[in-house]
């Protein structure tokens, strides 16, 4: 009996030692995979890198600070005297106390795809005045611009100087482009810019008959390197409509000219508003 008890003690001791050996310590052994506690993040993949903060996107486009957001502003018609109540007003400056200016682009000759990225990332509320004969096959570019927030407006079919033309000719230029934009985008613009900024009373009548509610000129224009002013003080003021001139030379790109303009706007403590919200 004593012998059997001693044998059982020895077997128990040996079995316990066998259990205490880590298989990873044996020659050729492989440690078993440990069971992770529920909810452990030890083996979860790393999250994808966060996109750049919107506040940092301005640096990509050459600005030292983000553009301030424009104040919310409900659309309302401009005051018109009873004498010309049936004709659209001619506007180069919007009377407002809001610290905003308005960016406008003419013709549609420049179609830099990266300008679309600039408008999207900076949320620039730009107005594009399009001429059918200039845009040609490039309407898809402006469809993309429209999808990121730009608005499309009328700049005639063929970029003809309208002043002095008969009513029928002016109406054909304005209404013809209304029809083109309607067929391509499903819209009939409310705003019209006459080529070269020239117009007469016939222009206003033809524009009104084509559904135009305002003739848009400009007080400030952005050339290849600097600003010019049509009248008044030589600095940007709240409410100014700014034309970014088309540039067919090998000068600064549309993006570079826009960046220079935005820097000047910010220096005056202003930001960019949506023109269509103020007219």
Protein backbone atom coordinates (compact mmCIF):
# COMPACT_ATOMS: atom_id res chain seq x y z
CA UNK A 1 0.00 0.00 0.00
CA UNK A 2 2.79 2.40 0.89
CA UNK A 3 4.55 1.48 -2.34
CA UNK A 4 1.45 2.27 -4.43
CA UNK A 5 1.04 5.62 -2.69
CA UNK A 6 4.65 6.58 -3.36
CA UNK A 7 4.31 5.61 -7.04
CA UNK A 8 1.20 7.74 -7.43
CA UNK A 9 3.02 10.76 -5.91
CA UNK A 10 5.91 10.39 -8.35
CA UNK A 11 3.54 10.15 -11.39
CA UNK A 12 1.63 13.25 -10.25
CA UNK A 13 4.83 15.24 -9.88
CA UNK A 14 6.07 14.27 -13.34
CA UNK A 15 2.73 15.11 -14.96
CA UNK A 16 2.68 18.54 -13.31
CA UNK A 17 6.18 19.30 -14.60
CA UNK A 18 5.15 18.31 -18.10
CA UNK A 19 2.27 20.76 -17.99
CA UNK A 20 4.54 23.61 -16.87
CA UNK A 21 6.85 23.41 -19.91
CA UNK A 22 6.15 26.10 -22.51
CA UNK A 23 5.93 24.45 -25.97
CA UNK A 24 7.82 27.38 -27.34
CA UNK A 25 10.83 26.34 -25.28
CA UNK A 26 10.92 22.84 -26.75
CA UNK A 27 13.18 22.16 -29.74
CA UNK A 28 11.05 22.74 -32.83
CA UNK A 29 8.10 23.75 -30.65
CA UNK A 30 5.62 26.47 -31.56
CA UNK A 31 3.92 28.64 -29.02
CA UNK A 32 0.15 28.58 -29.31
CA UNK A 33 -1.57 31.78 -30.36
CA UNK A 34 -2.82 33.62 -27.34
CA UNK A 35 -6.50 34.38 -27.11
CA UNK A 36 -7.08 38.16 -27.13
CA UNK A 37 -9.43 39.59 -24.55
CA UNK A 38 -12.78 40.70 -25.94
CA UNK A 39 -12.56 44.26 -27.26
CA UNK A 40 -8.76 44.30 -27.54
CA UNK A 41 -7.29 46.64 -30.19
CA UNK A 42 -3.99 44.79 -30.30
CA UNK A 43 -4.52 43.30 -33.77
CA UNK A 44 -6.88 45.91 -35.30
CA UNK A 45 -5.52 47.62 -38.44
CA UNK A 46 -4.36 51.19 -38.07
CA UNK A 47 -6.99 53.75 -39.12
CA UNK A 48 -6.40 55.53 -42.44
CA UNK A 49 -4.69 58.91 -42.19
CA UNK A 50 -7.12 61.75 -41.64
CA UNK A 51 -7.69 64.07 -44.59
CA UNK A 52 -6.16 67.54 -44.25
CA UNK A 53 -8.23 69.89 -42.18
CA UNK A 54 -10.26 72.31 -44.28
CA UNK A 55 -8.57 75.13 -42.39
CA UNK A 56 -5.26 73.95 -43.87
CA UNK A 57 -6.38 73.72 -47.49
CA UNK A 58 -5.73 77.42 -48.10
CA UNK A 59 -1.97 76.78 -47.99
CA UNK A 60 -2.25 74.46 -50.97
CA UNK A 61 -3.52 77.41 -52.99
CA UNK A 62 -0.96 79.97 -51.85
CA UNK A 63 -2.95 81.72 -49.13
CA UNK A 64 -1.53 82.43 -45.68
CA UNK A 65 -4.92 82.28 -43.95
CA UNK A 66 -8.29 80.66 -44.66
CA UNK A 67 -10.97 82.70 -46.36
CA UNK A 68 -13.56 83.93 -43.89
CA UNK A 69 -17.03 82.49 -44.54
CA UNK A 70 -19.43 84.90 -46.21
CA UNK A 71 -22.46 85.90 -44.14
CA UNK A 72 -25.79 84.34 -45.02
CA UNK A 73 -27.63 86.81 -47.21
CA UNK A 74 -31.11 86.27 -48.68
CA UNK A 75 -31.56 87.17 -52.32
CA UNK A 76 -33.48 90.37 -52.91
CA UNK A 77 -33.99 92.64 -55.93
CA UNK A 78 -32.05 95.85 -56.21
CA UNK A 79 -33.95 99.11 -55.95
CA UNK A 80 -35.04 100.54 -59.29
CA UNK A 81 -36.69 103.87 -59.96
CA UNK A 82 -40.17 103.87 -61.56
CA UNK A 83 -38.66 105.29 -64.77
CA UNK A 84 -36.69 102.13 -65.51
CA UNK A 85 -38.70 99.59 -63.52
CA UNK A 86 -39.25 97.46 -66.62
CA UNK A 87 -35.54 97.30 -67.50
CA UNK A 88 -32.87 95.31 -65.65
CA UNK A 89 -30.45 97.39 -63.53
CA UNK A 90 -26.82 97.78 -64.55
CA UNK A 91 -24.60 96.82 -61.60
CA UNK A 92 -20.85 97.08 -61.04
CA UNK A 93 -21.04 97.38 -57.24
CA UNK A 94 -23.58 95.92 -54.82
CA UNK A 95 -24.68 98.29 -52.03
CA UNK A 96 -24.04 96.21 -48.91
CA UNK A 97 -22.42 96.53 -45.52
CA UNK A 98 -21.32 92.92 -45.63
CA UNK A 99 -17.55 92.58 -45.95
CA UNK A 100 -17.74 90.70 -49.23
CA UNK A 101 -16.68 91.08 -52.84
CA UNK A 102 -17.81 89.05 -55.85
CA UNK A 103 -15.55 87.12 -58.26
CA UNK A 104 -16.60 86.87 -61.89
CA UNK A 105 -14.91 85.22 -64.89
CA UNK A 106 -15.65 85.84 -68.56
CA UNK A 107 -15.76 83.98 -71.87
CA UNK A 108 -14.79 80.44 -70.83
CA UNK A 109 -11.52 80.32 -72.78
CA UNK A 110 -9.43 79.13 -69.81
CA UNK A 111 -10.25 75.59 -68.72
CA UNK A 112 -7.62 74.54 -66.19
CA UNK A 113 -8.85 71.37 -64.41
CA UNK A 114 -7.02 72.39 -61.23
CA UNK A 115 -9.11 75.54 -61.05
CA UNK A 116 -12.05 73.21 -60.37
CA UNK A 117 -10.13 71.78 -57.39
CA UNK A 118 -9.40 75.31 -56.17
CA UNK A 119 -13.07 76.30 -56.31
CA UNK A 120 -14.09 73.11 -54.53
CA UNK A 121 -11.48 73.14 -51.76
CA UNK A 122 -11.71 76.87 -51.01
CA UNK A 123 -15.49 76.83 -51.55
CA UNK A 124 -15.20 79.84 -53.82
CA UNK A 125 -18.62 81.14 -54.93
CA UNK A 126 -17.55 82.25 -58.41
CA UNK A 127 -19.77 83.37 -61.30
CA UNK A 128 -18.81 82.26 -64.82
CA UNK A 129 -20.13 84.35 -67.74
CA UNK A 130 -19.97 82.06 -70.79
CA UNK A 131 -19.81 82.77 -74.51
CA UNK A 132 -20.88 79.82 -76.66
CA UNK A 133 -18.41 80.41 -79.50
CA UNK A 134 -15.52 80.65 -77.01
CA UNK A 135 -16.47 77.69 -74.84
CA UNK A 136 -16.91 75.49 -77.92
CA UNK A 137 -16.54 71.84 -76.90
CA UNK A 138 -15.55 72.77 -73.34
CA UNK A 139 -18.98 72.78 -71.71
CA UNK A 140 -18.15 69.61 -69.73
CA UNK A 141 -15.50 71.59 -67.85
CA UNK A 142 -18.13 74.11 -66.76
CA UNK A 143 -20.52 71.35 -65.80
CA UNK A 144 -17.84 70.16 -63.36
CA UNK A 145 -17.33 73.71 -62.11
CA UNK A 146 -21.05 74.03 -61.57
CA UNK A 147 -21.05 70.75 -59.61
CA UNK A 148 -18.56 72.24 -57.10
CA UNK A 149 -20.49 75.47 -56.56
CA UNK A 150 -19.81 77.85 -59.46
CA UNK A 151 -22.78 79.52 -61.15
CA UNK A 152 -23.10 79.88 -64.92
CA UNK A 153 -24.35 83.09 -66.50
CA UNK A 154 -24.82 84.63 -69.96
CA UNK A 155 -22.11 86.39 -72.02
CA UNK A 156 -23.75 86.10 -75.50
CA UNK A 157 -23.42 83.56 -78.29
CA UNK A 158 -20.54 85.12 -80.22
CA UNK A 159 -19.02 87.84 -78.03
CA UNK A 160 -20.22 90.62 -80.30
CA UNK A 161 -20.10 94.24 -79.15
CA UNK A 162 -23.81 94.93 -78.70
CA UNK A 163 -24.04 98.70 -78.46
CA UNK A 164 -25.53 100.13 -81.65
CA UNK A 165 -26.79 96.82 -82.99
CA UNK A 166 -30.50 96.56 -83.86
CA UNK A 167 -32.87 94.97 -81.38
CA UNK A 168 -33.18 91.74 -83.36
CA UNK A 169 -29.41 91.22 -83.42
CA UNK A 170 -28.98 91.92 -79.72
CA UNK A 171 -31.90 89.70 -78.81
CA UNK A 172 -30.49 86.86 -80.91
CA UNK A 173 -27.13 87.10 -79.11
CA UNK A 174 -28.65 87.13 -75.62
CA UNK A 175 -31.62 84.80 -76.05
CA UNK A 176 -29.54 82.45 -78.18
CA UNK A 177 -27.11 81.89 -75.32
CA UNK A 178 -30.02 81.52 -72.90
CA UNK A 179 -31.26 78.68 -75.09
CA UNK A 180 -27.81 77.09 -75.30
CA UNK A 181 -27.37 77.07 -71.52
CA UNK A 182 -30.90 75.79 -71.05
CA UNK A 183 -30.29 72.86 -73.42
CA UNK A 184 -26.94 71.97 -71.84
CA UNK A 185 -27.57 72.60 -68.15
CA UNK A 186 -31.32 72.97 -67.76
CA UNK A 187 -31.02 76.58 -66.60
CA UNK A 188 -31.84 80.02 -67.96
CA UNK A 189 -29.48 82.53 -66.33
CA UNK A 190 -30.77 85.65 -64.59
CA UNK A 191 -27.53 87.62 -65.01
CA UNK A 192 -25.93 88.90 -68.19
CA UNK A 193 -22.61 90.58 -68.93
CA UNK A 194 -22.35 92.37 -72.29
CA UNK A 195 -19.05 91.76 -74.08
CA UNK A 196 -16.48 94.52 -73.46
CA UNK A 197 -18.92 96.08 -70.98
CA UNK A 198 -20.65 98.04 -73.76
CA UNK A 199 -24.44 98.31 -73.99
CA UNK A 200 -27.31 100.69 -74.76
CA UNK A 201 -31.01 100.91 -73.98
CA UNK A 202 -31.71 98.37 -76.70
CA UNK A 203 -29.43 95.94 -74.85
CA UNK A 204 -31.47 96.39 -71.69
CA UNK A 205 -34.75 95.82 -73.52
CA UNK A 206 -33.46 92.73 -75.30
CA UNK A 207 -32.00 91.34 -72.06
CA UNK A 208 -35.29 91.86 -70.23
CA UNK A 209 -37.17 90.07 -73.00
CA UNK A 210 -34.75 87.14 -72.67
CA UNK A 211 -35.44 86.78 -68.91
CA UNK A 212 -32.38 88.66 -67.62
CA UNK A 213 -32.89 90.47 -64.30
CA UNK A 214 -29.54 92.33 -63.99
CA UNK A 215 -26.73 93.51 -66.26
CA UNK A 216 -23.41 92.80 -64.54
CA UNK A 217 -20.38 95.00 -65.13
CA UNK A 218 -17.41 95.41 -62.78
CA UNK A 219 -15.70 98.13 -60.76
CA UNK A 220 -12.44 96.22 -60.31
CA UNK A 221 -10.60 93.92 -62.69
CA UNK A 222 -7.72 91.54 -62.06
CA UNK A 223 -5.17 91.53 -64.86
CA UNK A 224 -2.06 89.37 -65.22
CA UNK A 225 -0.33 91.01 -62.27
CA UNK A 226 -2.42 93.74 -60.66
CA UNK A 227 -5.81 95.36 -60.15
CA UNK A 228 -7.34 98.17 -62.17
CA UNK A 229 -10.40 100.25 -61.30
CA UNK A 230 -13.07 101.63 -63.63
CA UNK A 231 -13.94 104.51 -61.28
CA UNK A 232 -13.85 105.56 -57.64
CA UNK A 233 -11.25 104.81 -55.03
CA UNK A 234 -8.32 102.62 -56.00
CA UNK A 235 -8.83 99.95 -53.42
CA UNK A 236 -11.23 97.06 -53.05
CA UNK A 237 -14.41 97.98 -51.20
CA UNK A 238 -17.24 95.86 -49.77
CA UNK A 239 -19.74 95.04 -52.50
CA UNK A 240 -17.29 95.36 -55.41
CA UNK A 241 -17.83 93.14 -58.43
CA UNK A 242 -14.42 91.99 -59.65
CA UNK A 243 -13.75 90.67 -63.14
CA UNK A 244 -10.82 88.27 -63.44
CA UNK A 245 -9.67 89.07 -66.96
CA UNK A 246 -9.16 86.22 -69.41
CA UNK A 247 -5.49 85.84 -70.33
CA UNK A 248 -4.53 84.30 -73.66
CA UNK A 249 -0.81 84.95 -73.13
CA UNK A 250 1.70 82.72 -71.38
CA UNK A 251 1.42 84.80 -68.23
CA UNK A 252 0.16 83.72 -64.81
CA UNK A 253 -2.43 80.95 -64.83
CA UNK A 254 -6.03 81.47 -63.82
CA UNK A 255 -5.24 79.89 -60.45
CA UNK A 256 -2.26 82.19 -59.90
CA UNK A 257 -4.25 85.30 -60.77
CA UNK A 258 -7.06 84.19 -58.48
CA UNK A 259 -4.60 83.61 -55.64
CA UNK A 260 -3.14 87.11 -56.07
CA UNK A 261 -6.63 88.54 -56.02
CA UNK A 262 -7.65 86.60 -52.92
CA UNK A 263 -4.58 87.86 -51.08
CA UNK A 264 -5.58 91.44 -51.88
CA UNK A 265 -9.14 90.75 -50.78
CA UNK A 266 -7.92 89.38 -47.45
CA UNK A 267 -5.57 92.34 -46.95
CA UNK A 268 -8.67 94.56 -46.97
CA UNK A 269 -10.38 92.40 -44.34
CA UNK A 270 -12.88 91.07 -46.90
CA UNK A 271 -14.02 87.69 -48.19
CA UNK A 272 -15.87 86.34 -51.23
CA UNK A 273 -19.65 86.27 -51.42
CA UNK A 274 -22.03 84.67 -53.89
CA UNK A 275 -23.20 87.38 -56.28
CA UNK A 276 -26.49 85.65 -57.00
CA UNK A 277 -27.43 85.88 -53.30
CA UNK A 278 -27.30 89.67 -53.45
CA UNK A 279 -29.27 90.31 -56.65
